[in-house]
Amino acid sequence: MLSQKGVVELDDERRAAMVSNLMVVLC
């Protein structure tokens, strides 16, 4: 959704950091 709506452009490192943060929050 972030990518489709153009909210923010994420490179691989930022994407990995966001995934890590979201997994910590959700799990």
mmCIF file of all heavy atoms, coordinates in Angstrom:
data_MODEL
# 
_entry.id   MODEL 
# 
loop_
_atom_site.group_PDB 
_atom_site.id 
_atom_site.type_symbol 
_atom_site.label_atom_id 
_atom_site.label_alt_id 
_atom_site.label_comp_id 
_atom_site.label_asym_id 
_atom_site.label_entity_id 
_atom_site.label_seq_id 
_atom_site.pdbx_PDB_ins_code 
_atom_site.Cartn_x 
_atom_site.Cartn_y 
_atom_site.Cartn_z 
_atom_site.occupancy 
_atom_site.B_iso_or_equiv 
_atom_site.pdbx_formal_charge 
_atom_site.auth_seq_id 
_atom_site.auth_comp_id 
_atom_site.auth_asym_id 
_atom_site.auth_atom_id 
_atom_site.pdbx_PDB_model_num 
ATOM 1   N N   . MET A 1 1  ? 0.822  -1.199  0.000  1.00 0.00 ? 1  MET A N   1 
ATOM 2   C CA  . MET A 1 1  ? 0.000  0.000   0.000  1.00 0.00 ? 1  MET A CA  1 
ATOM 3   C C   . MET A 1 1  ? 0.863  1.259   0.000  1.00 0.00 ? 1  MET A C   1 
ATOM 4   O O   . MET A 1 1  ? 0.567  2.243   -0.696 1.00 0.00 ? 1  MET A O   1 
ATOM 5   C CB  . MET A 1 1  ? -0.934 0.000   1.209  1.00 0.00 ? 1  MET A CB  1 
ATOM 6   C CG  . MET A 1 1  ? -2.023 -1.063  1.144  1.00 0.00 ? 1  MET A CG  1 
ATOM 7   S SD  . MET A 1 1  ? -3.081 -1.093  2.622  1.00 0.00 ? 1  MET A SD  1 
ATOM 8   C CE  . MET A 1 1  ? -3.828 0.534   2.502  1.00 0.00 ? 1  MET A CE  1 
ATOM 9   N N   . LEU A 1 2  ? 1.953  1.241   0.776  1.00 0.00 ? 2  LEU A N   1 
ATOM 10  C CA  . LEU A 1 2  ? 2.862  2.398   0.783  1.00 0.00 ? 2  LEU A CA  1 
ATOM 11  C C   . LEU A 1 2  ? 3.472  2.625   -0.587 1.00 0.00 ? 2  LEU A C   1 
ATOM 12  O O   . LEU A 1 2  ? 3.616  3.765   -1.041 1.00 0.00 ? 2  LEU A O   1 
ATOM 13  C CB  . LEU A 1 2  ? 3.960  2.180   1.827  1.00 0.00 ? 2  LEU A CB  1 
ATOM 14  C CG  . LEU A 1 2  ? 3.539  2.264   3.299  1.00 0.00 ? 2  LEU A CG  1 
ATOM 15  C CD1 . LEU A 1 2  ? 4.688  1.866   4.204  1.00 0.00 ? 2  LEU A CD1 1 
ATOM 16  C CD2 . LEU A 1 2  ? 3.058  3.682   3.642  1.00 0.00 ? 2  LEU A CD2 1 
ATOM 17  N N   . SER A 1 3  ? 3.808  1.526   -1.249 1.00 0.00 ? 3  SER A N   1 
ATOM 18  C CA  . SER A 1 3  ? 4.424  1.647   -2.563 1.00 0.00 ? 3  SER A CA  1 
ATOM 19  C C   . SER A 1 3  ? 3.420  2.099   -3.613 1.00 0.00 ? 3  SER A C   1 
ATOM 20  O O   . SER A 1 3  ? 3.727  2.948   -4.458 1.00 0.00 ? 3  SER A O   1 
ATOM 21  C CB  . SER A 1 3  ? 5.047  0.309   -2.956 1.00 0.00 ? 3  SER A CB  1 
ATOM 22  O OG  . SER A 1 3  ? 5.601  0.366   -4.244 1.00 0.00 ? 3  SER A OG  1 
ATOM 23  N N   . GLN A 1 4  ? 2.198  1.545   -3.565 1.00 0.00 ? 4  GLN A N   1 
ATOM 24  C CA  . GLN A 1 4  ? 1.199  1.885   -4.572 1.00 0.00 ? 4  GLN A CA  1 
ATOM 25  C C   . GLN A 1 4  ? 0.747  3.338   -4.468 1.00 0.00 ? 4  GLN A C   1 
ATOM 26  O O   . GLN A 1 4  ? 0.522  4.006   -5.477 1.00 0.00 ? 4  GLN A O   1 
ATOM 27  C CB  . GLN A 1 4  ? -0.005 0.949   -4.430 1.00 0.00 ? 4  GLN A CB  1 
ATOM 28  C CG  . GLN A 1 4  ? 0.274  -0.496  -4.834 1.00 0.00 ? 4  GLN A CG  1 
ATOM 29  C CD  . GLN A 1 4  ? -0.894 -1.406  -4.531 1.00 0.00 ? 4  GLN A CD  1 
ATOM 30  O OE1 . GLN A 1 4  ? -1.935 -0.962  -4.007 1.00 0.00 ? 4  GLN A OE1 1 
ATOM 31  N NE2 . GLN A 1 4  ? -0.739 -2.690  -4.847 1.00 0.00 ? 4  GLN A NE2 1 
ATOM 32  N N   . LYS A 1 5  ? 0.620  3.853   -3.254 1.00 0.00 ? 5  LYS A N   1 
ATOM 33  C CA  . LYS A 1 5  ? 0.135  5.221   -3.057 1.00 0.00 ? 5  LYS A CA  1 
ATOM 34  C C   . LYS A 1 5  ? 1.257  6.256   -3.062 1.00 0.00 ? 5  LYS A C   1 
ATOM 35  O O   . LYS A 1 5  ? 0.992  7.453   -2.934 1.00 0.00 ? 5  LYS A O   1 
ATOM 36  C CB  . LYS A 1 5  ? -0.648 5.311   -1.744 1.00 0.00 ? 5  LYS A CB  1 
ATOM 37  C CG  . LYS A 1 5  ? -1.920 4.468   -1.763 1.00 0.00 ? 5  LYS A CG  1 
ATOM 38  C CD  . LYS A 1 5  ? -2.724 4.632   -0.488 1.00 0.00 ? 5  LYS A CD  1 
ATOM 39  C CE  . LYS A 1 5  ? -4.018 3.822   -0.548 1.00 0.00 ? 5  LYS A CE  1 
ATOM 40  N NZ  . LYS A 1 5  ? -4.838 4.002   0.659  1.00 0.00 ? 5  LYS A NZ  1 
ATOM 41  N N   . GLY A 1 6  ? 2.463  5.773   -3.201 1.00 0.00 ? 6  GLY A N   1 
ATOM 42  C CA  . GLY A 1 6  ? 3.597  6.690   -3.265 1.00 0.00 ? 6  GLY A CA  1 
ATOM 43  C C   . GLY A 1 6  ? 3.819  7.488   -2.000 1.00 0.00 ? 6  GLY A C   1 
ATOM 44  O O   . GLY A 1 6  ? 4.280  8.634   -2.047 1.00 0.00 ? 6  GLY A O   1 
ATOM 45  N N   . VAL A 1 7  ? 3.490  6.923   -0.876 1.00 0.00 ? 7  VAL A N   1 
ATOM 46  C CA  . VAL A 1 7  ? 3.670  7.630   0.403  1.00 0.00 ? 7  VAL A CA  1 
ATOM 47  C C   . VAL A 1 7  ? 5.139  7.839   0.683  1.00 0.00 ? 7  VAL A C   1 
ATOM 48  O O   . VAL A 1 7  ? 5.581  8.907   1.123  1.00 0.00 ? 7  VAL A O   1 
ATOM 49  C CB  . VAL A 1 7  ? 3.001  6.851   1.543  1.00 0.00 ? 7  VAL A CB  1 
ATOM 50  C CG1 . VAL A 1 7  ? 3.244  7.537   2.880  1.00 0.00 ? 7  VAL A CG1 1 
ATOM 51  C CG2 . VAL A 1 7  ? 1.495  6.733   1.289  1.00 0.00 ? 7  VAL A CG2 1 
ATOM 52  N N   . VAL A 1 8  ? 5.945  6.821   0.441  1.00 0.00 ? 8  VAL A N   1 
ATOM 53  C CA  . VAL A 1 8  ? 7.382  6.915   0.715  1.00 0.00 ? 8  VAL A CA  1 
ATOM 54  C C   . VAL A 1 8  ? 8.105  5.935   -0.198 1.00 0.00 ? 8  VAL A C   1 
ATOM 55  O O   . VAL A 1 8  ? 7.583  4.871   -0.542 1.00 0.00 ? 8  VAL A O   1 
ATOM 56  C CB  . VAL A 1 8  ? 7.678  6.594   2.198  1.00 0.00 ? 8  VAL A CB  1 
ATOM 57  C CG1 . VAL A 1 8  ? 7.263  5.181   2.547  1.00 0.00 ? 8  VAL A CG1 1 
ATOM 58  C CG2 . VAL A 1 8  ? 9.145  6.833   2.528  1.00 0.00 ? 8  VAL A CG2 1 
ATOM 59  N N   . GLU A 1 9  ? 9.283  6.309   -0.623 1.00 0.00 ? 9  GLU A N   1 
ATOM 60  C CA  . GLU A 1 9  ? 10.120 5.431   -1.426 1.00 0.00 ? 9  GLU A CA  1 
ATOM 61  C C   . GLU A 1 9  ? 11.127 4.749   -0.500 1.00 0.00 ? 9  GLU A C   1 
ATOM 62  O O   . GLU A 1 9  ? 11.865 5.426   0.227  1.00 0.00 ? 9  GLU A O   1 
ATOM 63  C CB  . GLU A 1 9  ? 10.848 6.222   -2.511 1.00 0.00 ? 9  GLU A CB  1 
ATOM 64  C CG  . GLU A 1 9  ? 9.924  6.815   -3.570 1.00 0.00 ? 9  GLU A CG  1 
ATOM 65  C CD  . GLU A 1 9  ? 9.263  5.736   -4.408 1.00 0.00 ? 9  GLU A CD  1 
ATOM 66  O OE1 . GLU A 1 9  ? 9.837  4.634   -4.528 1.00 0.00 ? 9  GLU A OE1 1 
ATOM 67  O OE2 . GLU A 1 9  ? 8.149  5.986   -4.928 1.00 0.00 ? 9  GLU A OE2 1 
ATOM 68  N N   . LEU A 1 10 ? 11.133 3.446   -0.500 1.00 0.00 ? 10 LEU A N   1 
ATOM 69  C CA  . LEU A 1 10 ? 11.996 2.700   0.402  1.00 0.00 ? 10 LEU A CA  1 
ATOM 70  C C   . LEU A 1 10 ? 13.023 1.914   -0.392 1.00 0.00 ? 10 LEU A C   1 
ATOM 71  O O   . LEU A 1 10 ? 12.668 1.190   -1.336 1.00 0.00 ? 10 LEU A O   1 
ATOM 72  C CB  . LEU A 1 10 ? 11.165 1.724   1.255  1.00 0.00 ? 10 LEU A CB  1 
ATOM 73  C CG  . LEU A 1 10 ? 10.078 2.353   2.164  1.00 0.00 ? 10 LEU A CG  1 
ATOM 74  C CD1 . LEU A 1 10 ? 9.254  1.257   2.811  1.00 0.00 ? 10 LEU A CD1 1 
ATOM 75  C CD2 . LEU A 1 10 ? 10.713 3.240   3.207  1.00 0.00 ? 10 LEU A CD2 1 
ATOM 76  N N   . ASP A 1 11 ? 14.296 2.076   0.010  1.00 0.00 ? 11 ASP A N   1 
ATOM 77  C CA  . ASP A 1 11 ? 15.311 1.209   -0.565 1.00 0.00 ? 11 ASP A CA  1 
ATOM 78  C C   . ASP A 1 11 ? 15.350 -0.090  0.238  1.00 0.00 ? 11 ASP A C   1 
ATOM 79  O O   . ASP A 1 11 ? 14.586 -0.283  1.184  1.00 0.00 ? 11 ASP A O   1 
ATOM 80  C CB  . ASP A 1 11 ? 16.674 1.897   -0.583 1.00 0.00 ? 11 ASP A CB  1 
ATOM 81  C CG  . ASP A 1 11 ? 17.116 2.338   0.817  1.00 0.00 ? 11 ASP A CG  1 
ATOM 82  O OD1 . ASP A 1 11 ? 16.541 1.819   1.807  1.00 0.00 ? 11 ASP A OD1 1 
ATOM 83  O OD2 . ASP A 1 11 ? 18.018 3.188   0.934  1.00 0.00 ? 11 ASP A OD2 1 
ATOM 84  N N   . ASP A 1 12 ? 16.230 -0.995  -0.129 1.00 0.00 ? 12 ASP A N   1 
ATOM 85  C CA  . ASP A 1 12 ? 16.255 -2.299  0.519  1.00 0.00 ? 12 ASP A CA  1 
ATOM 86  C C   . ASP A 1 12 ? 16.535 -2.209  2.008  1.00 0.00 ? 12 ASP A C   1 
ATOM 87  O O   . ASP A 1 12 ? 15.942 -2.932  2.814  1.00 0.00 ? 12 ASP A O   1 
ATOM 88  C CB  . ASP A 1 12 ? 17.311 -3.192  -0.145 1.00 0.00 ? 12 ASP A CB  1 
ATOM 89  C CG  . ASP A 1 12 ? 16.913 -3.578  -1.563 1.00 0.00 ? 12 ASP A CG  1 
ATOM 90  O OD1 . ASP A 1 12 ? 15.702 -3.478  -1.869 1.00 0.00 ? 12 ASP A OD1 1 
ATOM 91  O OD2 . ASP A 1 12 ? 17.795 -3.980  -2.337 1.00 0.00 ? 12 ASP A OD2 1 
ATOM 92  N N   . GLU A 1 13 ? 17.425 -1.288  2.400  1.00 0.00 ? 13 GLU A N   1 
ATOM 93  C CA  . GLU A 1 13 ? 17.793 -1.181  3.813  1.00 0.00 ? 13 GLU A CA  1 
ATOM 94  C C   . GLU A 1 13 ? 16.641 -0.630  4.636  1.00 0.00 ? 13 GLU A C   1 
ATOM 95  O O   . GLU A 1 13 ? 16.338 -1.128  5.722  1.00 0.00 ? 13 GLU A O   1 
ATOM 96  C CB  . GLU A 1 13 ? 19.038 -0.309  3.966  1.00 0.00 ? 13 GLU A CB  1 
ATOM 97  C CG  . GLU A 1 13 ? 19.596 -0.321  5.394  1.00 0.00 ? 13 GLU A CG  1 
ATOM 98  C CD  . GLU A 1 13 ? 20.934 0.404   5.482  1.00 0.00 ? 13 GLU A CD  1 
ATOM 99  O OE1 . GLU A 1 13 ? 21.470 0.804   4.433  1.00 0.00 ? 13 GLU A OE1 1 
ATOM 100 O OE2 . GLU A 1 13 ? 21.427 0.558   6.612  1.00 0.00 ? 13 GLU A OE2 1 
ATOM 101 N N   . ARG A 1 14 ? 15.992 0.443   4.111  1.00 0.00 ? 14 ARG A N   1 
ATOM 102 C CA  . ARG A 1 14 ? 14.842 1.006   4.829  1.00 0.00 ? 14 ARG A CA  1 
ATOM 103 C C   . ARG A 1 14 ? 13.671 0.014   4.868  1.00 0.00 ? 14 ARG A C   1 
ATOM 104 O O   . ARG A 1 14 ? 12.937 -0.071  5.850  1.00 0.00 ? 14 ARG A O   1 
ATOM 105 C CB  . ARG A 1 14 ? 14.417 2.311   4.163  1.00 0.00 ? 14 ARG A CB  1 
ATOM 106 C CG  . ARG A 1 14 ? 15.379 3.477   4.411  1.00 0.00 ? 14 ARG A CG  1 
ATOM 107 C CD  . ARG A 1 14 ? 14.791 4.762   3.861  1.00 0.00 ? 14 ARG A CD  1 
ATOM 108 N NE  . ARG A 1 14 ? 15.599 5.908   4.217  1.00 0.00 ? 14 ARG A NE  1 
ATOM 109 C CZ  . ARG A 1 14 ? 16.625 6.374   3.508  1.00 0.00 ? 14 ARG A CZ  1 
ATOM 110 N NH1 . ARG A 1 14 ? 16.981 5.733   2.390  1.00 0.00 ? 14 ARG A NH1 1 
ATOM 111 N NH2 . ARG A 1 14 ? 17.303 7.437   3.896  1.00 0.00 ? 14 ARG A NH2 1 
ATOM 112 N N   . ARG A 1 15 ? 13.492 -0.718  3.775  1.00 0.00 ? 15 ARG A N   1 
ATOM 113 C CA  . ARG A 1 15 ? 12.437 -1.724  3.755  1.00 0.00 ? 15 ARG A CA  1 
ATOM 114 C C   . ARG A 1 15 ? 12.683 -2.802  4.819  1.00 0.00 ? 15 ARG A C   1 
ATOM 115 O O   . ARG A 1 15 ? 11.759 -3.222  5.527  1.00 0.00 ? 15 ARG A O   1 
ATOM 116 C CB  . ARG A 1 15 ? 12.356 -2.363  2.367  1.00 0.00 ? 15 ARG A CB  1 
ATOM 117 C CG  . ARG A 1 15 ? 11.212 -3.366  2.202  1.00 0.00 ? 15 ARG A CG  1 
ATOM 118 C CD  . ARG A 1 15 ? 11.273 -3.980  0.810  1.00 0.00 ? 15 ARG A CD  1 
ATOM 119 N NE  . ARG A 1 15 ? 11.017 -2.980  -0.197 1.00 0.00 ? 15 ARG A NE  1 
ATOM 120 C CZ  . ARG A 1 15 ? 9.804  -2.680  -0.662 1.00 0.00 ? 15 ARG A CZ  1 
ATOM 121 N NH1 . ARG A 1 15 ? 8.760  -3.326  -0.206 1.00 0.00 ? 15 ARG A NH1 1 
ATOM 122 N NH2 . ARG A 1 15 ? 9.649  -1.751  -1.577 1.00 0.00 ? 15 ARG A NH2 1 
ATOM 123 N N   . ALA A 1 16 ? 13.941 -3.242  4.933  1.00 0.00 ? 16 ALA A N   1 
ATOM 124 C CA  . ALA A 1 16 ? 14.279 -4.244  5.933  1.00 0.00 ? 16 ALA A CA  1 
ATOM 125 C C   . ALA A 1 16 ? 14.048 -3.720  7.341  1.00 0.00 ? 16 ALA A C   1 
ATOM 126 O O   . ALA A 1 16 ? 13.557 -4.427  8.226  1.00 0.00 ? 16 ALA A O   1 
ATOM 127 C CB  . ALA A 1 16 ? 15.725 -4.694  5.754  1.00 0.00 ? 16 ALA A CB  1 
ATOM 128 N N   . ALA A 1 17 ? 14.400 -2.453  7.562  1.00 0.00 ? 17 ALA A N   1 
ATOM 129 C CA  . ALA A 1 17 ? 14.201 -1.862  8.884  1.00 0.00 ? 17 ALA A CA  1 
ATOM 130 C C   . ALA A 1 17 ? 12.718 -1.760  9.228  1.00 0.00 ? 17 ALA A C   1 
ATOM 131 O O   . ALA A 1 17 ? 12.294 -2.044  10.352 1.00 0.00 ? 17 ALA A O   1 
ATOM 132 C CB  . ALA A 1 17 ? 14.854 -0.487  8.938  1.00 0.00 ? 17 ALA A CB  1 
ATOM 133 N N   . MET A 1 18 ? 11.899 -1.379  8.234  1.00 0.00 ? 18 MET A N   1 
ATOM 134 C CA  . MET A 1 18 ? 10.467 -1.272  8.486  1.00 0.00 ? 18 MET A CA  1 
ATOM 135 C C   . MET A 1 18 ? 9.859  -2.641  8.759  1.00 0.00 ? 18 MET A C   1 
ATOM 136 O O   . MET A 1 18 ? 9.020  -2.796  9.665  1.00 0.00 ? 18 MET A O   1 
ATOM 137 C CB  . MET A 1 18 ? 9.766  -0.612  7.299  1.00 0.00 ? 18 MET A CB  1 
ATOM 138 C CG  . MET A 1 18 ? 8.252  -0.511  7.458  1.00 0.00 ? 18 MET A CG  1 
ATOM 139 S SD  . MET A 1 18 ? 7.467  0.474   6.196  1.00 0.00 ? 18 MET A SD  1 
ATOM 140 C CE  . MET A 1 18 ? 7.983  2.122   6.716  1.00 0.00 ? 18 MET A CE  1 
ATOM 141 N N   . VAL A 1 19 ? 10.281 -3.629  7.972  1.00 0.00 ? 19 VAL A N   1 
ATOM 142 C CA  . VAL A 1 19 ? 9.773  -4.981  8.202  1.00 0.00 ? 19 VAL A CA  1 
ATOM 143 C C   . VAL A 1 19 ? 10.125 -5.449  9.605  1.00 0.00 ? 19 VAL A C   1 
ATOM 144 O O   . VAL A 1 19 ? 9.299  -6.023  10.323 1.00 0.00 ? 19 VAL A O   1 
ATOM 145 C CB  . VAL A 1 19 ? 10.333 -5.949  7.142  1.00 0.00 ? 19 VAL A CB  1 
ATOM 146 C CG1 . VAL A 1 19 ? 10.033 -7.400  7.537  1.00 0.00 ? 19 VAL A CG1 1 
ATOM 147 C CG2 . VAL A 1 19 ? 9.754  -5.645  5.774  1.00 0.00 ? 19 VAL A CG2 1 
ATOM 148 N N   . SER A 1 20 ? 11.359 -5.213  10.037 1.00 0.00 ? 20 SER A N   1 
ATOM 149 C CA  . SER A 1 20 ? 11.791 -5.619  11.368 1.00 0.00 ? 20 SER A CA  1 
ATOM 150 C C   . SER A 1 20 ? 10.953 -4.946  12.445 1.00 0.00 ? 20 SER A C   1 
ATOM 151 O O   . SER A 1 20 ? 10.496 -5.588  13.391 1.00 0.00 ? 20 SER A O   1 
ATOM 152 C CB  . SER A 1 20 ? 13.273 -5.293  11.550 1.00 0.00 ? 20 SER A CB  1 
ATOM 153 O OG  . SER A 1 20 ? 13.692 -5.600  12.867 1.00 0.00 ? 20 SER A OG  1 
ATOM 154 N N   . ASN A 1 21 ? 10.735 -3.636  12.293 1.00 0.00 ? 21 ASN A N   1 
ATOM 155 C CA  . ASN A 1 21 ? 9.965  -2.887  13.297 1.00 0.00 ? 21 ASN A CA  1 
ATOM 156 C C   . ASN A 1 21 ? 8.513  -3.369  13.350 1.00 0.00 ? 21 ASN A C   1 
ATOM 157 O O   . ASN A 1 21 ? 7.939  -3.549  14.430 1.00 0.00 ? 21 ASN A O   1 
ATOM 158 C CB  . ASN A 1 21 ? 10.007 -1.395  13.000 1.00 0.00 ? 21 ASN A CB  1 
ATOM 159 C CG  . ASN A 1 21 ? 11.395 -0.804  13.203 1.00 0.00 ? 21 ASN A CG  1 
ATOM 160 O OD1 . ASN A 1 21 ? 12.208 -1.348  13.961 1.00 0.00 ? 21 ASN A OD1 1 
ATOM 161 N ND2 . ASN A 1 21 ? 11.696 0.286   12.514 1.00 0.00 ? 21 ASN A ND2 1 
ATOM 162 N N   . LEU A 1 22 ? 7.908  -3.585  12.176 1.00 0.00 ? 22 LEU A N   1 
ATOM 163 C CA  . LEU A 1 22 ? 6.520  -4.030  12.150 1.00 0.00 ? 22 LEU A CA  1 
ATOM 164 C C   . LEU A 1 22 ? 6.372  -5.428  12.748 1.00 0.00 ? 22 LEU A C   1 
ATOM 165 O O   . LEU A 1 22 ? 5.396  -5.704  13.452 1.00 0.00 ? 22 LEU A O   1 
ATOM 166 C CB  . LEU A 1 22 ? 5.994  -4.009  10.714 1.00 0.00 ? 22 LEU A CB  1 
ATOM 167 C CG  . LEU A 1 22 ? 5.720  -2.629  10.113 1.00 0.00 ? 22 LEU A CG  1 
ATOM 168 C CD1 . LEU A 1 22 ? 5.327  -2.758  8.642  1.00 0.00 ? 22 LEU A CD1 1 
ATOM 169 C CD2 . LEU A 1 22 ? 4.621  -1.910  10.887 1.00 0.00 ? 22 LEU A CD2 1 
ATOM 170 N N   . MET A 1 23 ? 7.318  -6.325  12.475 1.00 0.00 ? 23 MET A N   1 
ATOM 171 C CA  . MET A 1 23 ? 7.246  -7.667  13.027 1.00 0.00 ? 23 MET A CA  1 
ATOM 172 C C   . MET A 1 23 ? 7.370  -7.646  14.548 1.00 0.00 ? 23 MET A C   1 
ATOM 173 O O   . MET A 1 23 ? 6.708  -8.406  15.253 1.00 0.00 ? 23 MET A O   1 
ATOM 174 C CB  . MET A 1 23 ? 8.332  -8.549  12.419 1.00 0.00 ? 23 MET A CB  1 
ATOM 175 C CG  . MET A 1 23 ? 8.126  -8.871  10.945 1.00 0.00 ? 23 MET A CG  1 
ATOM 176 S SD  . MET A 1 23 ? 6.619  -9.814  10.628 1.00 0.00 ? 23 MET A SD  1 
ATOM 177 C CE  . MET A 1 23 ? 7.027  -11.364 11.407 1.00 0.00 ? 23 MET A CE  1 
ATOM 178 N N   . VAL A 1 24 ? 8.240  -6.764  15.056 1.00 0.00 ? 24 VAL A N   1 
ATOM 179 C CA  . VAL A 1 24 ? 8.377  -6.644  16.509 1.00 0.00 ? 24 VAL A CA  1 
ATOM 180 C C   . VAL A 1 24 ? 7.078  -6.148  17.125 1.00 0.00 ? 24 VAL A C   1 
ATOM 181 O O   . VAL A 1 24 ? 6.611  -6.654  18.158 1.00 0.00 ? 24 VAL A O   1 
ATOM 182 C CB  . VAL A 1 24 ? 9.540  -5.696  16.861 1.00 0.00 ? 24 VAL A CB  1 
ATOM 183 C CG1 . VAL A 1 24 ? 9.527  -5.377  18.357 1.00 0.00 ? 24 VAL A CG1 1 
ATOM 184 C CG2 . VAL A 1 24 ? 10.868 -6.321  16.474 1.00 0.00 ? 24 VAL A CG2 1 
ATOM 185 N N   . VAL A 1 25 ? 6.438  -5.162  16.493 1.00 0.00 ? 25 VAL A N   1 
ATOM 186 C CA  . VAL A 1 25 ? 5.201  -4.604  17.017 1.00 0.00 ? 25 VAL A CA  1 
ATOM 187 C C   . VAL A 1 25 ? 4.076  -5.652  16.982 1.00 0.00 ? 25 VAL A C   1 
ATOM 188 O O   . VAL A 1 25 ? 3.316  -5.815  17.942 1.00 0.00 ? 25 VAL A O   1 
ATOM 189 C CB  . VAL A 1 25 ? 4.799  -3.351  16.215 1.00 0.00 ? 25 VAL A CB  1 
ATOM 190 C CG1 . VAL A 1 25 ? 3.393  -2.897  16.608 1.00 0.00 ? 25 VAL A CG1 1 
ATOM 191 C CG2 . VAL A 1 25 ? 5.798  -2.240  16.454 1.00 0.00 ? 25 VAL A CG2 1 
ATOM 192 N N   . LEU A 1 26 ? 3.985  -6.379  15.869 1.00 0.00 ? 26 LEU A N   1 
ATOM 193 C CA  . LEU A 1 26 ? 2.867  -7.304  15.700 1.00 0.00 ? 26 LEU A CA  1 
ATOM 194 C C   . LEU A 1 26 ? 3.039  -8.603  16.477 1.00 0.00 ? 26 LEU A C   1 
ATOM 195 O O   . LEU A 1 26 ? 2.056  -9.214  16.899 1.00 0.00 ? 26 LEU A O   1 
ATOM 196 C CB  . LEU A 1 26 ? 2.676  -7.614  14.211 1.00 0.00 ? 26 LEU A CB  1 
ATOM 197 C CG  . LEU A 1 26 ? 2.247  -6.428  13.335 1.00 0.00 ? 26 LEU A CG  1 
ATOM 198 C CD1 . LEU A 1 26 ? 2.269  -6.822  11.873 1.00 0.00 ? 26 LEU A CD1 1 
ATOM 199 C CD2 . LEU A 1 26 ? 0.857  -5.951  13.736 1.00 0.00 ? 26 LEU A CD2 1 
ATOM 200 N N   . CYS A 1 27 ? 4.271  -9.058  16.655 1.00 0.00 ? 27 CYS A N   1 
ATOM 201 C CA  . CYS A 1 27 ? 4.512  -10.354 17.288 1.00 0.00 ? 27 CYS A CA  1 
ATOM 202 C C   . CYS A 1 27 ? 4.894  -10.243 18.758 1.00 0.00 ? 27 CYS A C   1 
ATOM 203 O O   . CYS A 1 27 ? 4.974  -11.261 19.448 1.00 0.00 ? 27 CYS A O   1 
ATOM 204 C CB  . CYS A 1 27 ? 5.607  -11.121 16.542 1.00 0.00 ? 27 CYS A CB  1 
ATOM 205 S SG  . CYS A 1 27 ? 5.156  -11.535 14.842 1.00 0.00 ? 27 CYS A SG  1 
# 
